[in-house]
Amino acid sequence: MAQEISDKMIDELEILAKLDLSGEERERVRKDLGQMLDYIGRMNELDTEGVEPLYHVMPAVNVFREDEETGSSIREEILAGAPEAVDGCFRVPRTVE
């Protein structure tokens, strides 16, 4: 095991994760964390010379379209379906008195 998992570390983990571990569970967590840290340590042994960092698993491209001015107004068509309109706006029942 690369790094010994101390009781203090387990105590802090319990507090942060809001856990209440039994003695058996604490030992299982200690073993699992040790295995995870060992695996991460093995990754440091890999030769990554010339490997570009991966920022996203899928190629990221800008999918936004350019804004285009249309110049058309269909306000009258929209307001034609309204139950009541005043000065080019929908009229709705009062909600605040």
PDB file of N, CA and C in Angstrom:
ATOM      1  N   MET A   1       0.843  -1.167   0.000  1.00  0.00           N
ATOM      2  CA  MET A   1       0.000   0.000   0.000  1.00  0.00           C
ATOM      3  C   MET A   1       0.894   1.237   0.000  1.00  0.00           C
ATOM      4  N   ALA A   2       0.640   2.162  -0.942  1.00  0.00           N
ATOM      5  CA  ALA A   2       1.475   3.347  -1.088  1.00  0.00           C
ATOM      6  C   ALA A   2       1.341   4.283   0.103  1.00  0.00           C
ATOM      7  N   GLN A   3       0.146   4.492   0.568  1.00  0.00           N
ATOM      8  CA  GLN A   3      -0.089   5.401   1.681  1.00  0.00           C
ATOM      9  C   GLN A   3      -0.954   4.692   2.708  1.00  0.00           C
ATOM     10  N   GLU A   4      -0.529   4.773   3.937  1.00  0.00           N
ATOM     11  CA  GLU A   4      -1.298   4.146   5.014  1.00  0.00           C
ATOM     12  C   GLU A   4      -2.514   5.017   5.319  1.00  0.00           C
ATOM     13  N   ILE A   5      -3.680   4.403   5.361  1.00  0.00           N
ATOM     14  CA  ILE A   5      -4.915   5.105   5.677  1.00  0.00           C
ATOM     15  C   ILE A   5      -5.055   5.101   7.201  1.00  0.00           C
ATOM     16  N   SER A   6      -4.953   6.275   7.809  1.00  0.00           N
ATOM     17  CA  SER A   6      -4.977   6.368   9.269  1.00  0.00           C
ATOM     18  C   SER A   6      -6.413   6.424   9.790  1.00  0.00           C
ATOM     19  N   ASP A   7      -6.537   6.208  11.103  1.00  0.00           N
ATOM     20  CA  ASP A   7      -7.844   6.318  11.754  1.00  0.00           C
ATOM     21  C   ASP A   7      -8.385   7.743  11.626  1.00  0.00           C
ATOM     22  N   LYS A   8      -7.480   8.722  11.681  1.00  0.00           N
ATOM     23  CA  LYS A   8      -7.892  10.120  11.552  1.00  0.00           C
ATOM     24  C   LYS A   8      -8.527  10.362  10.182  1.00  0.00           C
ATOM     25  N   MET A   9      -7.938   9.790   9.139  1.00  0.00           N
ATOM     26  CA  MET A   9      -8.496   9.942   7.790  1.00  0.00           C
ATOM     27  C   MET A   9      -9.886   9.320   7.704  1.00  0.00           C
ATOM     28  N   ILE A  10     -10.056   8.170   8.288  1.00  0.00           N
ATOM     29  CA  ILE A  10     -11.365   7.499   8.292  1.00  0.00           C
ATOM     30  C   ILE A  10     -12.374   8.338   9.079  1.00  0.00           C
ATOM     31  N   ASP A  11     -11.936   8.903  10.226  1.00  0.00           N
ATOM     32  CA  ASP A  11     -12.821   9.764  11.020  1.00  0.00           C
ATOM     33  C   ASP A  11     -13.286  10.969  10.201  1.00  0.00           C
ATOM     34  N   GLU A  12     -12.347  11.614   9.488  1.00  0.00           N
ATOM     35  CA  GLU A  12     -12.702  12.773   8.667  1.00  0.00           C
ATOM     36  C   GLU A  12     -13.639  12.383   7.529  1.00  0.00           C
ATOM     37  N   LEU A  13     -13.405  11.224   6.951  1.00  0.00           N
ATOM     38  CA  LEU A  13     -14.279  10.729   5.886  1.00  0.00           C
ATOM     39  C   LEU A  13     -15.694  10.496   6.419  1.00  0.00           C
ATOM     40  N   GLU A  14     -15.787   9.924   7.597  1.00  0.00           N
ATOM     41  CA  GLU A  14     -17.100   9.706   8.218  1.00  0.00           C
ATOM     42  C   GLU A  14     -17.838  11.026   8.423  1.00  0.00           C
ATOM     43  N   ILE A  15     -17.123  12.041   8.876  1.00  0.00           N
ATOM     44  CA  ILE A  15     -17.744  13.348   9.115  1.00  0.00           C
ATOM     45  C   ILE A  15     -18.202  13.965   7.799  1.00  0.00           C
ATOM     46  N   LEU A  16     -17.318  13.992   6.812  1.00  0.00           N
ATOM     47  CA  LEU A  16     -17.646  14.617   5.530  1.00  0.00           C
ATOM     48  C   LEU A  16     -18.785  13.907   4.813  1.00  0.00           C
ATOM     49  N   ALA A  17     -18.808  12.579   4.883  1.00  0.00           N
ATOM     50  CA  ALA A  17     -19.835  11.801   4.190  1.00  0.00           C
ATOM     51  C   ALA A  17     -21.044  11.526   5.081  1.00  0.00           C
ATOM     52  N   LYS A  18     -21.008  12.049   6.307  1.00  0.00           N
ATOM     53  CA  LYS A  18     -22.105  11.846   7.271  1.00  0.00           C
ATOM     54  C   LYS A  18     -22.420  10.356   7.430  1.00  0.00           C
ATOM     55  N   LEU A  19     -21.352   9.599   7.702  1.00  0.00           N
ATOM     56  CA  LEU A  19     -21.478   8.156   7.893  1.00  0.00           C
ATOM     57  C   LEU A  19     -21.263   7.800   9.352  1.00  0.00           C
ATOM     58  N   ASP A  20     -21.754   6.658   9.733  1.00  0.00           N
ATOM     59  CA  ASP A  20     -21.493   6.092  11.052  1.00  0.00           C
ATOM     60  C   ASP A  20     -21.075   4.648  10.813  1.00  0.00           C
ATOM     61  N   LEU A  21     -19.776   4.442  10.641  1.00  0.00           N
ATOM     62  CA  LEU A  21     -19.258   3.127  10.267  1.00  0.00           C
ATOM     63  C   LEU A  21     -18.966   2.272  11.495  1.00  0.00           C
ATOM     64  N   SER A  22     -19.262   0.989  11.361  1.00  0.00           N
ATOM     65  CA  SER A  22     -18.899   0.043  12.421  1.00  0.00           C
ATOM     66  C   SER A  22     -17.417  -0.293  12.258  1.00  0.00           C
ATOM     67  N   GLY A  23     -16.872  -1.024  13.194  1.00  0.00           N
ATOM     68  CA  GLY A  23     -15.461  -1.408  13.132  1.00  0.00           C
ATOM     69  C   GLY A  23     -15.136  -2.200  11.875  1.00  0.00           C
ATOM     70  N   GLU A  24     -16.030  -3.124  11.508  1.00  0.00           N
ATOM     71  CA  GLU A  24     -15.817  -3.942  10.312  1.00  0.00           C
ATOM     72  C   GLU A  24     -15.880  -3.082   9.045  1.00  0.00           C
ATOM     73  N   GLU A  25     -16.823  -2.155   9.019  1.00  0.00           N
ATOM     74  CA  GLU A  25     -16.966  -1.270   7.852  1.00  0.00           C
ATOM     75  C   GLU A  25     -15.757  -0.345   7.718  1.00  0.00           C
ATOM     76  N   ARG A  26     -15.231   0.114   8.850  1.00  0.00           N
ATOM     77  CA  ARG A  26     -14.041   0.974   8.812  1.00  0.00           C
ATOM     78  C   ARG A  26     -12.857   0.236   8.184  1.00  0.00           C
ATOM     79  N   GLU A  27     -12.694  -1.016   8.540  1.00  0.00           N
ATOM     80  CA  GLU A  27     -11.589  -1.795   7.982  1.00  0.00           C
ATOM     81  C   GLU A  27     -11.790  -2.034   6.478  1.00  0.00           C
ATOM     82  N   ARG A  28     -13.025  -2.272   6.087  1.00  0.00           N
ATOM     83  CA  ARG A  28     -13.313  -2.477   4.663  1.00  0.00           C
ATOM     84  C   ARG A  28     -13.046  -1.189   3.874  1.00  0.00           C
ATOM     85  N   VAL A  29     -13.440  -0.049   4.447  1.00  0.00           N
ATOM     86  CA  VAL A  29     -13.185   1.245   3.800  1.00  0.00           C
ATOM     87  C   VAL A  29     -11.682   1.491   3.714  1.00  0.00           C
ATOM     88  N   ARG A  30     -10.959   1.181   4.790  1.00  0.00           N
ATOM     89  CA  ARG A  30      -9.499   1.359   4.795  1.00  0.00           C
ATOM     90  C   ARG A  30      -8.857   0.536   3.678  1.00  0.00           C
ATOM     91  N   LYS A  31      -9.303  -0.716   3.536  1.00  0.00           N
ATOM     92  CA  LYS A  31      -8.752  -1.597   2.503  1.00  0.00           C
ATOM     93  C   LYS A  31      -9.092  -1.067   1.101  1.00  0.00           C
ATOM     94  N   ASP A  32     -10.364  -0.670   0.897  1.00  0.00           N
ATOM     95  CA  ASP A  32     -10.793  -0.175  -0.417  1.00  0.00           C
ATOM     96  C   ASP A  32     -10.048   1.106  -0.800  1.00  0.00           C
ATOM     97  N   LEU A  33      -9.920   2.030   0.138  1.00  0.00           N
ATOM     98  CA  LEU A  33      -9.199   3.273  -0.154  1.00  0.00           C
ATOM     99  C   LEU A  33      -7.736   2.993  -0.482  1.00  0.00           C
ATOM    100  N   GLY A  34      -7.141   2.071   0.243  1.00  0.00           N
ATOM    101  CA  GLY A  34      -5.752   1.691  -0.035  1.00  0.00           C
ATOM    102  C   GLY A  34      -5.600   1.138  -1.440  1.00  0.00           C
ATOM    103  N   GLN A  35      -6.538   0.282  -1.856  1.00  0.00           N
ATOM    104  CA  GLN A  35      -6.479  -0.273  -3.209  1.00  0.00           C
ATOM    105  C   GLN A  35      -6.647   0.818  -4.265  1.00  0.00           C
ATOM    106  N   MET A  36      -7.539   1.776  -4.002  1.00  0.00           N
ATOM    107  CA  MET A  36      -7.735   2.873  -4.955  1.00  0.00           C
ATOM    108  C   MET A  36      -6.462   3.707  -5.089  1.00  0.00           C
ATOM    109  N   LEU A  37      -5.845   4.029  -3.954  1.00  0.00           N
ATOM    110  CA  LEU A  37      -4.626   4.826  -3.994  1.00  0.00           C
ATOM    111  C   LEU A  37      -3.485   4.074  -4.666  1.00  0.00           C
ATOM    112  N   ASP A  38      -3.406   2.765  -4.448  1.00  0.00           N
ATOM    113  CA  ASP A  38      -2.392   1.958  -5.130  1.00  0.00           C
ATOM    114  C   ASP A  38      -2.590   1.993  -6.639  1.00  0.00           C
ATOM    115  N   TYR A  39      -3.836   1.899  -7.073  1.00  0.00           N
ATOM    116  CA  TYR A  39      -4.130   1.921  -8.506  1.00  0.00           C
ATOM    117  C   TYR A  39      -3.750   3.273  -9.105  1.00  0.00           C
ATOM    118  N   ILE A  40      -4.081   4.349  -8.409  1.00  0.00           N
ATOM    119  CA  ILE A  40      -3.721   5.681  -8.895  1.00  0.00           C
ATOM    120  C   ILE A  40      -2.206   5.816  -8.950  1.00  0.00           C
ATOM    121  N   GLY A  41      -1.520   5.261  -7.968  1.00  0.00           N
ATOM    122  CA  GLY A  41      -0.058   5.290  -7.982  1.00  0.00           C
ATOM    123  C   GLY A  41       0.517   4.544  -9.174  1.00  0.00           C
ATOM    124  N   ARG A  42      -0.114   3.445  -9.559  1.00  0.00           N
ATOM    125  CA  ARG A  42       0.346   2.692 -10.737  1.00  0.00           C
ATOM    126  C   ARG A  42       0.202   3.527 -12.000  1.00  0.00           C
ATOM    127  N   MET A  43      -0.794   4.391 -12.049  1.00  0.00           N
ATOM    128  CA  MET A  43      -0.984   5.225 -13.221  1.00  0.00           C
ATOM    129  C   MET A  43       0.161   6.219 -13.400  1.00  0.00           C
ATOM    130  N   ASN A  44       0.786   6.612 -12.288  1.00  0.00           N
ATOM    131  CA  ASN A  44       1.920   7.530 -12.369  1.00  0.00           C
ATOM    132  C   ASN A  44       3.132   6.881 -13.042  1.00  0.00           C
ATOM    133  N   GLU A  45       3.165   5.567 -13.116  1.00  0.00           N
ATOM    134  CA  GLU A  45       4.276   4.858 -13.739  1.00  0.00           C
ATOM    135  C   GLU A  45       4.167   4.827 -15.260  1.00  0.00           C
ATOM    136  N   LEU A  46       3.015   5.180 -15.812  1.00  0.00           N
ATOM    137  CA  LEU A  46       2.818   5.124 -17.254  1.00  0.00           C
ATOM    138  C   LEU A  46       3.610   6.210 -17.972  1.00  0.00           C
ATOM    139  N   ASP A  47       4.089   5.884 -19.172  1.00  0.00           N
ATOM    140  CA  ASP A  47       4.801   6.857 -20.001  1.00  0.00           C
ATOM    141  C   ASP A  47       3.762   7.671 -20.774  1.00  0.00           C
ATOM    142  N   THR A  48       3.625   8.936 -20.410  1.00  0.00           N
ATOM    143  CA  THR A  48       2.645   9.796 -21.069  1.00  0.00           C
ATOM    144  C   THR A  48       3.323  10.871 -21.923  1.00  0.00           C
ATOM    145  N   GLU A  49       4.575  10.664 -22.248  1.00  0.00           N
ATOM    146  CA  GLU A  49       5.302  11.613 -23.079  1.00  0.00           C
ATOM    147  C   GLU A  49       4.629  11.731 -24.442  1.00  0.00           C
ATOM    148  N   GLY A  50       4.298  12.945 -24.834  1.00  0.00           N
ATOM    149  CA  GLY A  50       3.687  13.184 -26.137  1.00  0.00           C
ATOM    150  C   GLY A  50       2.187  12.945 -26.190  1.00  0.00           C
ATOM    151  N   VAL A  51       1.568  12.601 -25.078  1.00  0.00           N
ATOM    152  CA  VAL A  51       0.124  12.365 -25.049  1.00  0.00           C
ATOM    153  C   VAL A  51      -0.564  13.679 -24.708  1.00  0.00           C
ATOM    154  N   GLU A  52      -1.480  14.105 -25.579  1.00  0.00           N
ATOM    155  CA  GLU A  52      -2.213  15.341 -25.341  1.00  0.00           C
ATOM    156  C   GLU A  52      -3.222  15.130 -24.208  1.00  0.00           C
ATOM    157  N   PRO A  53      -3.410  16.137 -23.353  1.00  0.00           N
ATOM    158  CA  PRO A  53      -4.418  16.019 -22.289  1.00  0.00           C
ATOM    159  C   PRO A  53      -5.811  15.877 -22.894  1.00  0.00           C
ATOM    160  N   LEU A  54      -6.658  15.094 -22.267  1.00  0.00           N
ATOM    161  CA  LEU A  54      -8.025  14.896 -22.724  1.00  0.00           C
ATOM    162  C   LEU A  54      -8.931  15.803 -21.904  1.00  0.00           C
ATOM    163  N   TYR A  55      -9.567  16.736 -22.589  1.00  0.00           N
ATOM    164  CA  TYR A  55     -10.457  17.658 -21.903  1.00  0.00           C
ATOM    165  C   TYR A  55     -11.898  17.188 -21.938  1.00  0.00           C
ATOM    166  N   HIS A  56     -12.261  16.416 -22.958  1.00  0.00           N
ATOM    167  CA  HIS A  56     -13.625  15.932 -23.098  1.00  0.00           C
ATOM    168  C   HIS A  56     -13.582  14.674 -23.941  1.00  0.00           C
ATOM    169  N   VAL A  57     -14.414  13.693 -23.621  1.00  0.00           N
ATOM    170  CA  VAL A  57     -14.375  12.436 -24.350  1.00  0.00           C
ATOM    171  C   VAL A  57     -14.919  12.561 -25.765  1.00  0.00           C
ATOM    172  N   MET A  58     -15.772  13.549 -26.008  1.00  0.00           N
ATOM    173  CA  MET A  58     -16.303  13.788 -27.347  1.00  0.00           C
ATOM    174  C   MET A  58     -15.677  15.072 -27.874  1.00  0.00           C
ATOM    175  N   PRO A  59     -15.459  15.148 -29.191  1.00  0.00           N
ATOM    176  CA  PRO A  59     -14.912  16.395 -29.717  1.00  0.00           C
ATOM    177  C   PRO A  59     -15.875  17.549 -29.443  1.00  0.00           C
ATOM    178  N   ALA A  60     -15.369  18.607 -28.861  1.00  0.00           N
ATOM    179  CA  ALA A  60     -16.219  19.747 -28.519  1.00  0.00           C
ATOM    180  C   ALA A  60     -16.154  20.781 -29.637  1.00  0.00           C
ATOM    181  N   VAL A  61     -17.295  21.065 -30.213  1.00  0.00           N
ATOM    182  CA  VAL A  61     -17.379  22.087 -31.254  1.00  0.00           C
ATOM    183  C   VAL A  61     -18.522  23.026 -30.901  1.00  0.00           C
ATOM    184  N   ASN A  62     -18.438  24.235 -31.402  1.00  0.00           N
ATOM    185  CA  ASN A  62     -19.485  25.209 -31.160  1.00  0.00           C
ATOM    186  C   ASN A  62     -20.693  24.840 -32.007  1.00  0.00           C
ATOM    187  N   VAL A  63     -21.810  24.533 -31.364  1.00  0.00           N
ATOM    188  CA  VAL A  63     -23.005  24.119 -32.086  1.00  0.00           C
ATOM    189  C   VAL A  63     -24.014  25.257 -32.226  1.00  0.00           C
ATOM    190  N   PHE A  64     -23.630  26.456 -31.797  1.00  0.00           N
ATOM    191  CA  PHE A  64     -24.550  27.578 -31.886  1.00  0.00           C
ATOM    192  C   PHE A  64     -24.539  28.163 -33.295  1.00  0.00           C
ATOM    193  N   ARG A  65     -25.683  28.575 -33.748  1.00  0.00           N
ATOM    194  CA  ARG A  65     -25.775  29.208 -35.057  1.00  0.00           C
ATOM    195  C   ARG A  65     -25.588  30.705 -34.885  1.00  0.00           C
ATOM    196  N   GLU A  66     -25.265  31.387 -35.962  1.00  0.00           N
ATOM    197  CA  GLU A  66     -25.144  32.833 -35.930  1.00  0.00           C
ATOM    198  C   GLU A  66     -26.533  33.445 -35.826  1.00  0.00           C
ATOM    199  N   ASP A  67     -26.650  34.552 -35.116  1.00  0.00           N
ATOM    200  CA  ASP A  67     -27.918  35.261 -35.037  1.00  0.00           C
ATOM    201  C   ASP A  67     -28.217  35.892 -36.390  1.00  0.00           C
ATOM    202  N   GLU A  68     -29.446  35.746 -36.823  1.00  0.00           N
ATOM    203  CA  GLU A  68     -29.865  36.339 -38.083  1.00  0.00           C
ATOM    204  C   GLU A  68     -31.079  37.213 -37.825  1.00  0.00           C
ATOM    205  N   GLU A  69     -31.030  38.421 -38.333  1.00  0.00           N
ATOM    206  CA  GLU A  69     -32.147  39.333 -38.189  1.00  0.00           C
ATOM    207  C   GLU A  69     -33.202  38.965 -39.217  1.00  0.00           C
ATOM    208  N   THR A  70     -34.418  38.753 -38.763  1.00  0.00           N
ATOM    209  CA  THR A  70     -35.478  38.371 -39.696  1.00  0.00           C
ATOM    210  C   THR A  70     -36.331  39.550 -40.107  1.00  0.00           C
ATOM    211  N   GLY A  71     -36.476  40.509 -39.223  1.00  0.00           N
ATOM    212  CA  GLY A  71     -37.205  41.708 -39.576  1.00  0.00           C
ATOM    213  C   GLY A  71     -38.709  41.539 -39.660  1.00  0.00           C
ATOM    214  N   SER A  72     -39.226  40.364 -39.489  1.00  0.00           N
ATOM    215  CA  SER A  72     -40.668  40.173 -39.600  1.00  0.00           C
ATOM    216  C   SER A  72     -41.309  40.239 -38.226  1.00  0.00           C
ATOM    217  N   SER A  73     -42.531  40.748 -38.194  1.00  0.00           N
ATOM    218  CA  SER A  73     -43.265  40.821 -36.945  1.00  0.00           C
ATOM    219  C   SER A  73     -44.604  40.136 -37.138  1.00  0.00           C
ATOM    220  N   ILE A  74     -44.897  39.207 -36.284  1.00  0.00           N
ATOM    221  CA  ILE A  74     -46.174  38.496 -36.392  1.00  0.00           C
ATOM    222  C   ILE A  74     -47.026  38.776 -35.160  1.00  0.00           C
ATOM    223  N   ARG A  75     -46.784  39.946 -34.562  1.00  0.00           N
ATOM    224  CA  ARG A  75     -47.496  40.314 -33.346  1.00  0.00           C
ATOM    225  C   ARG A  75     -49.009  40.248 -33.544  1.00  0.00           C
ATOM    226  N   GLU A  76     -49.482  40.780 -34.651  1.00  0.00           N
ATOM    227  CA  GLU A  76     -50.921  40.792 -34.898  1.00  0.00           C
ATOM    228  C   GLU A  76     -51.481  39.379 -34.994  1.00  0.00           C
ATOM    229  N   GLU A  77     -50.733  38.481 -35.642  1.00  0.00           N
ATOM    230  CA  GLU A  77     -51.182  37.085 -35.759  1.00  0.00           C
ATOM    231  C   GLU A  77     -51.261  36.429 -34.388  1.00  0.00           C
ATOM    232  N   ILE A  78     -50.267  36.697 -33.555  1.00  0.00           N
ATOM    233  CA  ILE A  78     -50.243  36.097 -32.216  1.00  0.00           C
ATOM    234  C   ILE A  78     -51.381  36.654 -31.377  1.00  0.00           C
ATOM    235  N   LEU A  79     -51.554  37.975 -31.405  1.00  0.00           N
ATOM    236  CA  LEU A  79     -52.598  38.598 -30.593  1.00  0.00           C
ATOM    237  C   LEU A  79     -53.999  38.264 -31.091  1.00  0.00           C
ATOM    238  N   ALA A  80     -54.119  37.830 -32.330  1.00  0.00           N
ATOM    239  CA  ALA A  80     -55.432  37.463 -32.856  1.00  0.00           C
ATOM    240  C   ALA A  80     -56.016  36.274 -32.100  1.00  0.00           C
ATOM    241  N   GLY A  81     -55.186  35.410 -31.550  1.00  0.00           N
ATOM    242  CA  GLY A  81     -55.657  34.242 -30.809  1.00  0.00           C
ATOM    243  C   GLY A  81     -55.886  34.517 -29.337  1.00  0.00           C
ATOM    244  N   ALA A  82     -55.564  35.747 -28.888  1.00  0.00           N
ATOM    245  CA  ALA A  82     -55.713  36.078 -27.470  1.00  0.00           C
ATOM    246  C   ALA A  82     -57.166  36.393 -27.144  1.00  0.00           C
ATOM    247  N   PRO A  83     -57.625  36.015 -25.956  1.00  0.00           N
ATOM    248  CA  PRO A  83     -58.995  36.357 -25.569  1.00  0.00           C
ATOM    249  C   PRO A  83     -59.199  37.872 -25.510  1.00  0.00           C
ATOM    250  N   GLU A  84     -58.158  38.599 -25.070  1.00  0.00           N
ATOM    251  CA  GLU A  84     -58.266  40.048 -24.997  1.00  0.00           C
ATOM    252  C   GLU A  84     -56.868  40.650 -25.144  1.00  0.00           C
ATOM    253  N   ALA A  85     -56.759  41.721 -25.949  1.00  0.00           N
ATOM    254  CA  ALA A  85     -55.488  42.398 -26.156  1.00  0.00           C
ATOM    255  C   ALA A  85     -55.704  43.896 -26.014  1.00  0.00           C
ATOM    256  N   VAL A  86     -54.698  44.583 -25.452  1.00  0.00           N
ATOM    257  CA  VAL A  86     -54.754  46.026 -25.272  1.00  0.00           C
ATOM    258  C   VAL A  86     -53.401  46.608 -25.667  1.00  0.00           C
ATOM    259  N   ASP A  87     -53.385  47.560 -26.562  1.00  0.00           N
ATOM    260  CA  ASP A  87     -52.170  48.258 -27.002  1.00  0.00           C
ATOM    261  C   ASP A  87     -51.070  47.285 -27.438  1.00  0.00           C
ATOM    262  N   GLY A  88     -51.431  46.257 -28.169  1.00  0.00           N
ATOM    263  CA  GLY A  88     -50.449  45.308 -28.692  1.00  0.00           C
ATOM    264  C   GLY A  88     -49.917  44.318 -27.665  1.00  0.00           C
ATOM    265  N   CYS A  89     -50.591  44.166 -26.535  1.00  0.00           N
ATOM    266  CA  CYS A  89     -50.156  43.245 -25.479  1.00  0.00           C
ATOM    267  C   CYS A  89     -51.330  42.378 -25.035  1.00  0.00           C
ATOM    268  N   PHE A  90     -51.016  41.220 -24.477  1.00  0.00           N
ATOM    269  CA  PHE A  90     -52.049  40.363 -23.907  1.00  0.00           C
ATOM    270  C   PHE A  90     -52.641  41.042 -22.671  1.00  0.00           C
ATOM    271  N   ARG A  91     -53.914  40.949 -22.514  1.00  0.00           N
ATOM    272  CA  ARG A  91     -54.539  41.407 -21.278  1.00  0.00           C
ATOM    273  C   ARG A  91     -54.901  40.163 -20.469  1.00  0.00           C
ATOM    274  N   VAL A  92     -54.439  40.146 -19.223  1.00  0.00           N
ATOM    275  CA  VAL A  92     -54.661  38.998 -18.355  1.00  0.00           C
ATOM    276  C   VAL A  92     -55.342  39.458 -17.085  1.00  0.00           C
ATOM    277  N   PRO A  93     -55.999  38.558 -16.365  1.00  0.00           N
ATOM    278  CA  PRO A  93     -56.639  38.931 -15.114  1.00  0.00           C
ATOM    279  C   PRO A  93     -55.610  39.409 -14.086  1.00  0.00           C
ATOM    280  N   ARG A  94     -55.988  40.341 -13.272  1.00  0.00           N
ATOM    281  CA  ARG A  94     -55.111  40.869 -12.226  1.00  0.00           C
ATOM    282  C   ARG A  94     -54.838  39.761 -11.201  1.00  0.00           C
ATOM    283  N   THR A  95     -53.580  39.610 -10.830  1.00  0.00           N
ATOM    284  CA  THR A  95     -53.199  38.575  -9.864  1.00  0.00           C
ATOM    285  C   THR A  95     -52.790  39.154  -8.532  1.00  0.00           C
ATOM    286  N   VAL A  96     -52.420  40.454  -8.503  1.00  0.00           N
ATOM    287  CA  VAL A  96     -51.993  41.109  -7.270  1.00  0.00           C
ATOM    288  C   VAL A  96     -52.918  42.289  -7.026  1.00  0.00           C
ATOM    289  N   GLU A  97     -53.381  42.433  -5.827  1.00  0.00           N
ATOM    290  CA  GLU A  97     -54.256  43.560  -5.519  1.00  0.00           C
ATOM    291  C   GLU A  97     -53.529  44.611  -4.728  1.00  0.00           C
TER     292      GLU A  97
END
